[in-house]
Amino acid sequence: MKNIIFFFAAVMLVASCSSSDNNPDPNPSGPPNPPSPPSVEAKVLPSKVVMETEKNGVVTYTISYVSDTQKINKITITGTDRNNEERYIYKGDLIDKIEYGSNGDFVQYEYENSMLVREIAYRQNQQNDKTEYKYLTNQSVEKKQYERKDGAWVLSGEMLFNFDSNGNLVKGEADFGSEGNVELTATYDNKSTSVVNIEGWTQIHFTGGIPLGDNIDFVDIVGRRNNPVQISAVTHEGDIDIAYTYEFKDEKKPKFPTKAIGKLNNQILFTAEISYQ
């Protein structure tokens, strides 16, 4: 099962393969942008996340912002084998590029009408993989994943995403050929995810809240608008169930989680403690 989980996480396929593929909306606006929190919550930003998993041990993410904005300046990552720095570069309100470390690793994002249409990952300044997005309806997005091989792009996966009216990813289905099929459903609470106020975050992180794989990161455990409660996946190797529990102990920010625990088939998958500015 580990192989199929890891492959599933690598492409982050969570989709609903339906008739919308054959009848696209002629003027789709893309998945809903998460509704803004009430004004008293609209400036809440995470400043530190301390996350523990079996594979990575304790990893700390320290988030800094461009002065007087809600745009990330950088995320400093410290912990077992994870010392790194992510630098965020914006164009207007959209994230244009994320640079990783100092070895020429980065992801470039491309948009049309403020909707993400392409992202290209570079390793040591060389193109490594590419993802393209096509907006079929206002709640359905097609994703195509490519790998760079022998100087050409080779298609490695095709997917669809389905979202609810809050912009949360809720259902999925995909065919991985020899790796088998994957079906997924996700449910959420009605409280605010820790990242909802970060400028540009939801436009590039369609699949947040789906922590499948051997190398779980902070981005994998947070939803786009609300907090995931239950993730269920069915694969040819067996069923996967992830249940979340939360604590809300910041009296000044009572609707934002201060701790999250995820359990995979009743075994602890991760814990995360979240602090805010």
C-alpha atoms as a PDB file:
ATOM      1  CA  MET A   1       0.000   0.000   0.000  1.00  0.00           C
ATOM      2  CA  LYS A   2       2.863   2.400   0.663  1.00  0.00           C
ATOM      3  CA  ASN A   3       3.723   2.606  -3.055  1.00  0.00           C
ATOM      4  CA  ILE A   4       0.230   3.556  -4.143  1.00  0.00           C
ATOM      5  CA  ILE A   5      -0.087   6.087  -1.315  1.00  0.00           C
ATOM      6  CA  PHE A   6       3.219   7.673  -2.221  1.00  0.00           C
ATOM      7  CA  PHE A   7       2.373   7.842  -5.914  1.00  0.00           C
ATOM      8  CA  PHE A   8      -1.005   9.308  -5.097  1.00  0.00           C
ATOM      9  CA  ALA A   9       0.599  11.999  -2.987  1.00  0.00           C
ATOM     10  CA  ALA A  10       3.248  12.834  -5.556  1.00  0.00           C
ATOM     11  CA  VAL A  11       0.696  13.910  -8.132  1.00  0.00           C
ATOM     12  CA  MET A  12      -1.846  15.012  -5.496  1.00  0.00           C
ATOM     13  CA  LEU A  13      -4.694  13.630  -7.533  1.00  0.00           C
ATOM     14  CA  VAL A  14      -8.033  14.208  -5.964  1.00  0.00           C
ATOM     15  CA  ALA A  15     -10.740  14.339  -8.543  1.00  0.00           C
ATOM     16  CA  SER A  16     -14.250  13.633  -9.628  1.00  0.00           C
ATOM     17  CA  CYS A  17     -14.334  12.047 -13.051  1.00  0.00           C
ATOM     18  CA  SER A  18     -17.804  12.935 -14.297  1.00  0.00           C
ATOM     19  CA  SER A  19     -19.700  14.068 -17.361  1.00  0.00           C
ATOM     20  CA  SER A  20     -18.295  17.579 -16.893  1.00  0.00           C
ATOM     21  CA  ASP A  21     -15.215  16.378 -18.764  1.00  0.00           C
ATOM     22  CA  ASN A  22     -17.310  16.065 -21.932  1.00  0.00           C
ATOM     23  CA  ASN A  23     -19.460  19.158 -21.378  1.00  0.00           C
ATOM     24  CA  PRO A  24     -17.201  21.922 -20.121  1.00  0.00           C
ATOM     25  CA  ASP A  25     -18.621  25.277 -19.119  1.00  0.00           C
ATOM     26  CA  PRO A  26     -17.813  27.689 -21.990  1.00  0.00           C
ATOM     27  CA  ASN A  27     -16.816  30.416 -19.522  1.00  0.00           C
ATOM     28  CA  PRO A  28     -15.696  28.728 -16.310  1.00  0.00           C
ATOM     29  CA  SER A  29     -14.422  30.912 -13.504  1.00  0.00           C
ATOM     30  CA  GLY A  30     -12.538  28.120 -11.766  1.00  0.00           C
ATOM     31  CA  PRO A  31     -13.161  26.638  -8.320  1.00  0.00           C
ATOM     32  CA  PRO A  32     -14.673  29.072  -5.816  1.00  0.00           C
ATOM     33  CA  ASN A  33     -12.204  31.244  -4.007  1.00  0.00           C
ATOM     34  CA  PRO A  34     -12.726  30.534  -0.319  1.00  0.00           C
ATOM     35  CA  PRO A  35     -15.103  33.072   1.252  1.00  0.00           C
ATOM     36  CA  SER A  36     -13.299  35.618   3.379  1.00  0.00           C
ATOM     37  CA  PRO A  37     -13.640  35.283   7.145  1.00  0.00           C
ATOM     38  CA  PRO A  38     -15.526  37.971   9.097  1.00  0.00           C
ATOM     39  CA  SER A  39     -13.619  41.239   9.400  1.00  0.00           C
ATOM     40  CA  VAL A  40     -12.522  40.456  12.969  1.00  0.00           C
ATOM     41  CA  GLU A  41     -10.727  37.354  11.629  1.00  0.00           C
ATOM     42  CA  ALA A  42      -9.483  38.729   8.302  1.00  0.00           C
ATOM     43  CA  LYS A  43      -5.979  39.638   9.490  1.00  0.00           C
ATOM     44  CA  VAL A  44      -5.139  36.391  11.296  1.00  0.00           C
ATOM     45  CA  LEU A  45      -1.929  34.865   9.924  1.00  0.00           C
ATOM     46  CA  PRO A  46       0.052  31.805  11.051  1.00  0.00           C
ATOM     47  CA  SER A  47       3.577  32.585  12.245  1.00  0.00           C
ATOM     48  CA  LYS A  48       4.901  29.178  13.298  1.00  0.00           C
ATOM     49  CA  VAL A  49       3.970  25.536  12.827  1.00  0.00           C
ATOM     50  CA  VAL A  50       5.701  22.765  14.782  1.00  0.00           C
ATOM     51  CA  MET A  51       4.917  19.485  13.070  1.00  0.00           C
ATOM     52  CA  GLU A  52       5.871  15.931  14.014  1.00  0.00           C
ATOM     53  CA  THR A  53       5.705  12.824  11.830  1.00  0.00           C
ATOM     54  CA  GLU A  54       7.302   9.406  12.139  1.00  0.00           C
ATOM     55  CA  LYS A  55       9.459   9.931   9.033  1.00  0.00           C
ATOM     56  CA  ASN A  56      10.654  13.510   9.574  1.00  0.00           C
ATOM     57  CA  GLY A  57      10.562  13.831  13.343  1.00  0.00           C
ATOM     58  CA  VAL A  58       9.910  17.375  14.580  1.00  0.00           C
ATOM     59  CA  VAL A  59      10.014  20.058  11.888  1.00  0.00           C
ATOM     60  CA  THR A  60       9.422  23.764  12.559  1.00  0.00           C
ATOM     61  CA  TYR A  61       8.070  26.163   9.930  1.00  0.00           C
ATOM     62  CA  THR A  62       8.604  29.840  10.745  1.00  0.00           C
ATOM     63  CA  ILE A  63       6.596  32.119   8.474  1.00  0.00           C
ATOM     64  CA  SER A  64       7.450  35.780   7.888  1.00  0.00           C
ATOM     65  CA  TYR A  65       5.500  38.292   5.828  1.00  0.00           C
ATOM     66  CA  VAL A  66       6.203  41.321   3.700  1.00  0.00           C
ATOM     67  CA  SER A  67       5.764  44.353   5.961  1.00  0.00           C
ATOM     68  CA  ASP A  68       2.161  45.586   6.282  1.00  0.00           C
ATOM     69  CA  THR A  69       0.813  42.883   3.947  1.00  0.00           C
ATOM     70  CA  GLN A  70      -0.557  39.360   4.066  1.00  0.00           C
ATOM     71  CA  LYS A  71       2.014  38.143   1.538  1.00  0.00           C
ATOM     72  CA  ILE A  72       4.577  35.567   2.611  1.00  0.00           C
ATOM     73  CA  ASN A  73       8.173  36.740   2.506  1.00  0.00           C
ATOM     74  CA  LYS A  74       9.735  33.398   3.411  1.00  0.00           C
ATOM     75  CA  ILE A  75       9.196  30.175   5.308  1.00  0.00           C
ATOM     76  CA  THR A  76      12.218  28.952   7.258  1.00  0.00           C
ATOM     77  CA  ILE A  77      12.187  25.195   7.839  1.00  0.00           C
ATOM     78  CA  THR A  78      14.293  23.609  10.578  1.00  0.00           C
ATOM     79  CA  GLY A  79      14.380  20.053  11.893  1.00  0.00           C
ATOM     80  CA  THR A  80      15.590  16.578  11.071  1.00  0.00           C
ATOM     81  CA  ASP A  81      17.102  16.672   7.559  1.00  0.00           C
ATOM     82  CA  ARG A  82      14.760  19.542   6.688  1.00  0.00           C
ATOM     83  CA  ASN A  83      16.783  22.734   7.131  1.00  0.00           C
ATOM     84  CA  ASN A  84      15.701  24.888   4.224  1.00  0.00           C
ATOM     85  CA  GLU A  85      14.178  28.197   3.238  1.00  0.00           C
ATOM     86  CA  GLU A  86      11.291  28.916   0.891  1.00  0.00           C
ATOM     87  CA  ARG A  87      11.214  32.421  -0.598  1.00  0.00           C
ATOM     88  CA  TYR A  88       7.961  33.734  -2.075  1.00  0.00           C
ATOM     89  CA  ILE A  89       7.886  36.171  -4.983  1.00  0.00           C
ATOM     90  CA  TYR A  90       4.613  37.874  -5.915  1.00  0.00           C
ATOM     91  CA  LYS A  91       3.234  39.646  -8.948  1.00  0.00           C
ATOM     92  CA  GLY A  92       0.391  41.739  -7.641  1.00  0.00           C
ATOM     93  CA  ASP A  93      -1.694  39.542  -5.361  1.00  0.00           C
ATOM     94  CA  LEU A  94      -0.602  36.261  -6.960  1.00  0.00           C
ATOM     95  CA  ILE A  95       2.360  34.045  -6.090  1.00  0.00           C
ATOM     96  CA  ASP A  96       4.672  34.121  -9.101  1.00  0.00           C
ATOM     97  CA  LYS A  97       7.516  31.927  -7.855  1.00  0.00           C
ATOM     98  CA  ILE A  98       8.682  29.940  -4.848  1.00  0.00           C
ATOM     99  CA  GLU A  99      12.433  29.429  -4.486  1.00  0.00           C
ATOM    100  CA  TYR A 100      13.752  26.519  -2.422  1.00  0.00           C
ATOM    101  CA  GLY A 101      17.209  26.766  -0.871  1.00  0.00           C
ATOM    102  CA  SER A 102      20.140  28.047  -2.930  1.00  0.00           C
ATOM    103  CA  ASN A 103      20.684  25.301  -5.525  1.00  0.00           C
ATOM    104  CA  GLY A 104      18.439  26.615  -8.285  1.00  0.00           C
ATOM    105  CA  ASP A 105      15.319  24.734  -7.187  1.00  0.00           C
ATOM    106  CA  PHE A 106      12.080  26.670  -7.694  1.00  0.00           C
ATOM    107  CA  VAL A 107       8.514  26.504  -8.981  1.00  0.00           C
ATOM    108  CA  GLN A 108       7.230  29.054 -11.500  1.00  0.00           C
ATOM    109  CA  TYR A 109       3.473  29.742 -11.632  1.00  0.00           C
ATOM    110  CA  GLU A 110       1.562  31.019 -14.666  1.00  0.00           C
ATOM    111  CA  TYR A 111      -1.959  32.486 -14.646  1.00  0.00           C
ATOM    112  CA  GLU A 112      -4.705  33.568 -17.025  1.00  0.00           C
ATOM    113  CA  ASN A 113      -7.395  35.905 -15.669  1.00  0.00           C
ATOM    114  CA  SER A 114      -5.925  35.326 -12.196  1.00  0.00           C
ATOM    115  CA  MET A 115      -6.478  31.549 -12.499  1.00  0.00           C
ATOM    116  CA  LEU A 116      -3.540  29.145 -12.303  1.00  0.00           C
ATOM    117  CA  VAL A 117      -2.988  27.433 -15.658  1.00  0.00           C
ATOM    118  CA  ARG A 118       0.549  26.082 -15.364  1.00  0.00           C
ATOM    119  CA  GLU A 119       3.331  25.419 -12.879  1.00  0.00           C
ATOM    120  CA  ILE A 120       6.814  24.285 -13.799  1.00  0.00           C
ATOM    121  CA  ALA A 121       9.227  22.847 -11.246  1.00  0.00           C
ATOM    122  CA  TYR A 122      12.958  23.378 -11.761  1.00  0.00           C
ATOM    123  CA  ARG A 123      15.787  21.405 -10.168  1.00  0.00           C
ATOM    124  CA  GLN A 124      19.194  23.079 -10.329  1.00  0.00           C
ATOM    125  CA  ASN A 125      17.720  25.548 -12.846  1.00  0.00           C
ATOM    126  CA  GLN A 126      16.612  22.725 -15.164  1.00  0.00           C
ATOM    127  CA  GLN A 127      12.975  21.944 -15.926  1.00  0.00           C
ATOM    128  CA  ASN A 128      11.934  18.808 -14.040  1.00  0.00           C
ATOM    129  CA  ASP A 129       8.158  18.480 -14.150  1.00  0.00           C
ATOM    130  CA  LYS A 130       5.122  20.462 -15.240  1.00  0.00           C
ATOM    131  CA  THR A 131       1.467  20.649 -14.265  1.00  0.00           C
ATOM    132  CA  GLU A 132      -1.245  22.190 -16.434  1.00  0.00           C
ATOM    133  CA  TYR A 133      -4.777  23.086 -15.347  1.00  0.00           C
ATOM    134  CA  LYS A 134      -7.959  23.423 -17.400  1.00  0.00           C
ATOM    135  CA  TYR A 135     -11.120  24.854 -15.844  1.00  0.00           C
ATOM    136  CA  LEU A 136     -14.102  22.776 -16.968  1.00  0.00           C
ATOM    137  CA  THR A 137     -16.816  24.213 -14.727  1.00  0.00           C
ATOM    138  CA  ASN A 138     -16.941  26.574 -11.776  1.00  0.00           C
ATOM    139  CA  GLN A 139     -16.294  23.627  -9.456  1.00  0.00           C
ATOM    140  CA  SER A 140     -14.237  21.270 -11.609  1.00  0.00           C
ATOM    141  CA  VAL A 141     -10.632  21.501 -12.774  1.00  0.00           C
ATOM    142  CA  GLU A 142      -8.701  19.134 -15.029  1.00  0.00           C
ATOM    143  CA  LYS A 143      -5.060  18.566 -14.164  1.00  0.00           C
ATOM    144  CA  LYS A 144      -2.359  17.086 -16.390  1.00  0.00           C
ATOM    145  CA  GLN A 145       1.016  16.128 -14.953  1.00  0.00           C
ATOM    146  CA  TYR A 146       4.142  15.892 -17.115  1.00  0.00           C
ATOM    147  CA  GLU A 147       7.702  14.721 -16.497  1.00  0.00           C
ATOM    148  CA  ARG A 148      10.759  15.960 -18.371  1.00  0.00           C
ATOM    149  CA  LYS A 149      12.464  13.039 -20.146  1.00  0.00           C
ATOM    150  CA  ASP A 150      15.137  13.237 -22.845  1.00  0.00           C
ATOM    151  CA  GLY A 151      14.347  16.882 -23.513  1.00  0.00           C
ATOM    152  CA  ALA A 152      10.592  16.391 -23.972  1.00  0.00           C
ATOM    153  CA  TRP A 153       7.493  16.563 -21.780  1.00  0.00           C
ATOM    154  CA  VAL A 154       5.930  13.146 -21.157  1.00  0.00           C
ATOM    155  CA  LEU A 155       2.374  12.936 -19.809  1.00  0.00           C
ATOM    156  CA  SER A 156       2.336  11.048 -16.511  1.00  0.00           C
ATOM    157  CA  GLY A 157      -1.201  11.586 -15.252  1.00  0.00           C
ATOM    158  CA  GLU A 158      -4.597  13.140 -15.997  1.00  0.00           C
ATOM    159  CA  MET A 159      -6.980  14.135 -13.237  1.00  0.00           C
ATOM    160  CA  LEU A 160     -10.015  16.183 -12.284  1.00  0.00           C
ATOM    161  CA  PHE A 161     -10.680  18.124  -9.089  1.00  0.00           C
ATOM    162  CA  ASN A 162     -14.114  18.743  -7.554  1.00  0.00           C
ATOM    163  CA  PHE A 163     -14.786  21.457  -4.965  1.00  0.00           C
ATOM    164  CA  ASP A 164     -17.641  22.533  -2.726  1.00  0.00           C
ATOM    165  CA  SER A 165     -19.054  26.061  -2.611  1.00  0.00           C
ATOM    166  CA  ASN A 166     -16.372  27.099  -0.094  1.00  0.00           C
ATOM    167  CA  GLY A 167     -13.563  26.043  -2.408  1.00  0.00           C
ATOM    168  CA  ASN A 168     -12.679  22.919  -0.423  1.00  0.00           C
ATOM    169  CA  LEU A 169     -11.662  19.840  -2.372  1.00  0.00           C
ATOM    170  CA  VAL A 170     -14.331  17.211  -1.633  1.00  0.00           C
ATOM    171  CA  LYS A 171     -14.251  14.222  -3.974  1.00  0.00           C
ATOM    172  CA  GLY A 172     -11.959  12.381  -6.313  1.00  0.00           C
ATOM    173  CA  GLU A 173     -11.430   9.487  -8.663  1.00  0.00           C
ATOM    174  CA  ALA A 174      -8.495   8.525 -10.864  1.00  0.00           C
ATOM    175  CA  ASP A 175      -7.043   5.701 -12.888  1.00  0.00           C
ATOM    176  CA  PHE A 176      -3.286   5.107 -12.463  1.00  0.00           C
ATOM    177  CA  GLY A 177      -3.089   2.250 -14.935  1.00  0.00           C
ATOM    178  CA  SER A 178      -0.863  -0.467 -13.482  1.00  0.00           C
ATOM    179  CA  GLU A 179      -1.006   1.298 -10.094  1.00  0.00           C
ATOM    180  CA  GLY A 180      -4.794   0.850 -10.010  1.00  0.00           C
ATOM    181  CA  ASN A 181      -7.671   3.218  -9.295  1.00  0.00           C
ATOM    182  CA  VAL A 182      -8.034   5.672  -6.447  1.00  0.00           C
ATOM    183  CA  GLU A 183     -11.298   7.142  -5.172  1.00  0.00           C
ATOM    184  CA  LEU A 184     -11.335   9.791  -2.486  1.00  0.00           C
ATOM    185  CA  THR A 185     -13.822  11.816  -0.460  1.00  0.00           C
ATOM    186  CA  ALA A 186     -13.160  14.597   2.042  1.00  0.00           C
ATOM    187  CA  THR A 187     -15.297  16.411   4.611  1.00  0.00           C
ATOM    188  CA  TYR A 188     -14.607  19.630   6.533  1.00  0.00           C
ATOM    189  CA  ASP A 189     -15.684  21.571   9.602  1.00  0.00           C
ATOM    190  CA  ASN A 190     -17.084  25.117   9.497  1.00  0.00           C
ATOM    191  CA  LYS A 191     -14.106  26.876  11.069  1.00  0.00           C
ATOM    192  CA  SER A 192     -11.232  28.720   9.438  1.00  0.00           C
ATOM    193  CA  THR A 193      -8.127  26.986   8.174  1.00  0.00           C
ATOM    194  CA  SER A 194      -4.925  28.567   9.436  1.00  0.00           C
ATOM    195  CA  VAL A 195      -3.838  29.756   5.959  1.00  0.00           C
ATOM    196  CA  VAL A 196      -7.094  31.279   4.685  1.00  0.00           C
ATOM    197  CA  ASN A 197      -5.818  34.876   4.934  1.00  0.00           C
ATOM    198  CA  ILE A 198      -2.444  34.354   3.222  1.00  0.00           C
ATOM    199  CA  GLU A 199      -2.395  36.274  -0.058  1.00  0.00           C
ATOM    200  CA  GLY A 200      -2.299  34.011  -3.112  1.00  0.00           C
ATOM    201  CA  TRP A 201      -2.195  30.738  -1.150  1.00  0.00           C
ATOM    202  CA  THR A 202      -5.508  29.236  -2.250  1.00  0.00           C
ATOM    203  CA  GLN A 203      -4.828  29.947  -5.938  1.00  0.00           C
ATOM    204  CA  ILE A 204      -1.897  27.511  -6.013  1.00  0.00           C
ATOM    205  CA  HIS A 205      -2.829  24.963  -3.330  1.00  0.00           C
ATOM    206  CA  PHE A 206      -5.870  23.143  -4.689  1.00  0.00           C
ATOM    207  CA  THR A 207      -5.216  19.921  -2.797  1.00  0.00           C
ATOM    208  CA  GLY A 208      -4.342  21.160   0.677  1.00  0.00           C
ATOM    209  CA  GLY A 209      -5.603  18.935   3.466  1.00  0.00           C
ATOM    210  CA  ILE A 210      -4.759  15.598   1.816  1.00  0.00           C
ATOM    211  CA  PRO A 211      -1.718  14.259   3.749  1.00  0.00           C
ATOM    212  CA  LEU A 212      -1.022  11.058   1.831  1.00  0.00           C
ATOM    213  CA  GLY A 213       2.542   9.915   1.309  1.00  0.00           C
ATOM    214  CA  ASP A 214       5.784   9.298   3.136  1.00  0.00           C
ATOM    215  CA  ASN A 215       6.935  12.921   3.292  1.00  0.00           C
ATOM    216  CA  ILE A 216       4.088  14.972   4.765  1.00  0.00           C
ATOM    217  CA  ASP A 217       4.549  18.732   4.758  1.00  0.00           C
ATOM    218  CA  PHE A 218       2.641  21.576   6.415  1.00  0.00           C
ATOM    219  CA  VAL A 219       0.929  22.407   3.115  1.00  0.00           C
ATOM    220  CA  ASP A 220      -0.529  18.882   3.002  1.00  0.00           C
ATOM    221  CA  ILE A 221      -2.545  19.158   6.216  1.00  0.00           C
ATOM    222  CA  VAL A 222      -4.412  22.469   5.787  1.00  0.00           C
ATOM    223  CA  GLY A 223      -7.573  22.970   3.741  1.00  0.00           C
ATOM    224  CA  ARG A 224      -8.280  25.907   1.425  1.00  0.00           C
ATOM    225  CA  ARG A 225     -11.092  27.436   3.539  1.00  0.00           C
ATOM    226  CA  ASN A 226     -12.088  25.010   6.279  1.00  0.00           C
ATOM    227  CA  ASN A 227     -10.332  22.317   8.280  1.00  0.00           C
ATOM    228  CA  PRO A 228     -10.492  18.732   6.981  1.00  0.00           C
ATOM    229  CA  VAL A 229     -12.271  16.314   9.299  1.00  0.00           C
ATOM    230  CA  GLN A 230     -12.228  13.029   7.403  1.00  0.00           C
ATOM    231  CA  ILE A 231     -10.337  11.838   4.319  1.00  0.00           C
ATOM    232  CA  SER A 232     -11.296   8.455   2.876  1.00  0.00           C
ATOM    233  CA  ALA A 233      -9.521   6.820  -0.069  1.00  0.00           C
ATOM    234  CA  VAL A 234     -10.182   3.492  -1.765  1.00  0.00           C
ATOM    235  CA  THR A 235      -7.337   1.853  -3.700  1.00  0.00           C
ATOM    236  CA  HIS A 236      -6.786  -1.589  -5.187  1.00  0.00           C
ATOM    237  CA  GLU A 237      -4.452  -2.274  -2.246  1.00  0.00           C
ATOM    238  CA  GLY A 238      -6.934  -1.345   0.446  1.00  0.00           C
ATOM    239  CA  ASP A 239      -8.819   1.487   2.104  1.00  0.00           C
ATOM    240  CA  ILE A 240      -7.219   4.555   3.661  1.00  0.00           C
ATOM    241  CA  ASP A 241      -8.980   6.618   6.326  1.00  0.00           C
ATOM    242  CA  ILE A 242      -7.526   9.759   7.869  1.00  0.00           C
ATOM    243  CA  ALA A 243      -9.364  11.377  10.788  1.00  0.00           C
ATOM    244  CA  TYR A 244      -8.490  14.837  12.128  1.00  0.00           C
ATOM    245  CA  THR A 245      -9.021  16.300  15.580  1.00  0.00           C
ATOM    246  CA  TYR A 246      -8.354  19.923  16.534  1.00  0.00           C
ATOM    247  CA  GLU A 247      -7.807  22.184  19.495  1.00  0.00           C
ATOM    248  CA  PHE A 248      -8.842  25.856  19.474  1.00  0.00           C
ATOM    249  CA  LYS A 249      -7.065  27.418  22.435  1.00  0.00           C
ATOM    250  CA  ASP A 250      -6.221  30.942  21.268  1.00  0.00           C
ATOM    251  CA  GLU A 251      -8.871  33.071  22.991  1.00  0.00           C
ATOM    252  CA  LYS A 252      -8.251  35.983  20.608  1.00  0.00           C
ATOM    253  CA  LYS A 253      -8.576  33.737  17.546  1.00  0.00           C
ATOM    254  CA  PRO A 254     -11.118  31.123  18.680  1.00  0.00           C
ATOM    255  CA  LYS A 255     -12.050  29.871  15.195  1.00  0.00           C
ATOM    256  CA  PHE A 256      -8.493  29.091  14.110  1.00  0.00           C
ATOM    257  CA  PRO A 257      -6.917  25.769  15.142  1.00  0.00           C
ATOM    258  CA  THR A 258      -3.945  25.801  17.493  1.00  0.00           C
ATOM    259  CA  LYS A 259      -3.323  22.067  17.270  1.00  0.00           C
ATOM    260  CA  ALA A 260      -4.165  19.380  14.725  1.00  0.00           C
ATOM    261  CA  ILE A 261      -3.774  15.620  14.991  1.00  0.00           C
ATOM    262  CA  GLY A 262      -4.182  13.301  12.031  1.00  0.00           C
ATOM    263  CA  LYS A 263      -4.656   9.557  12.394  1.00  0.00           C
ATOM    264  CA  LEU A 264      -4.250   7.117   9.502  1.00  0.00           C
ATOM    265  CA  ASN A 265      -6.360   4.007  10.080  1.00  0.00           C
ATOM    266  CA  ASN A 266      -6.368   4.899  13.827  1.00  0.00           C
ATOM    267  CA  GLN A 267      -2.562   5.312  14.006  1.00  0.00           C
ATOM    268  CA  ILE A 268      -1.106   8.797  14.544  1.00  0.00           C
ATOM    269  CA  LEU A 269       0.116  10.167  11.222  1.00  0.00           C
ATOM    270  CA  PHE A 270       1.072  13.683  12.327  1.00  0.00           C
ATOM    271  CA  THR A 271       0.649  16.298  15.017  1.00  0.00           C
ATOM    272  CA  ALA A 272       0.953  20.027  14.386  1.00  0.00           C
ATOM    273  CA  GLU A 273       0.927  22.984  16.766  1.00  0.00           C
ATOM    274  CA  ILE A 274       0.098  26.323  15.150  1.00  0.00           C
ATOM    275  CA  SER A 275       0.893  29.818  16.456  1.00  0.00           C
ATOM    276  CA  TYR A 276      -0.408  33.099  15.045  1.00  0.00           C
ATOM    277  CA  GLN A 277       0.778  36.667  14.796  1.00  0.00           C
END
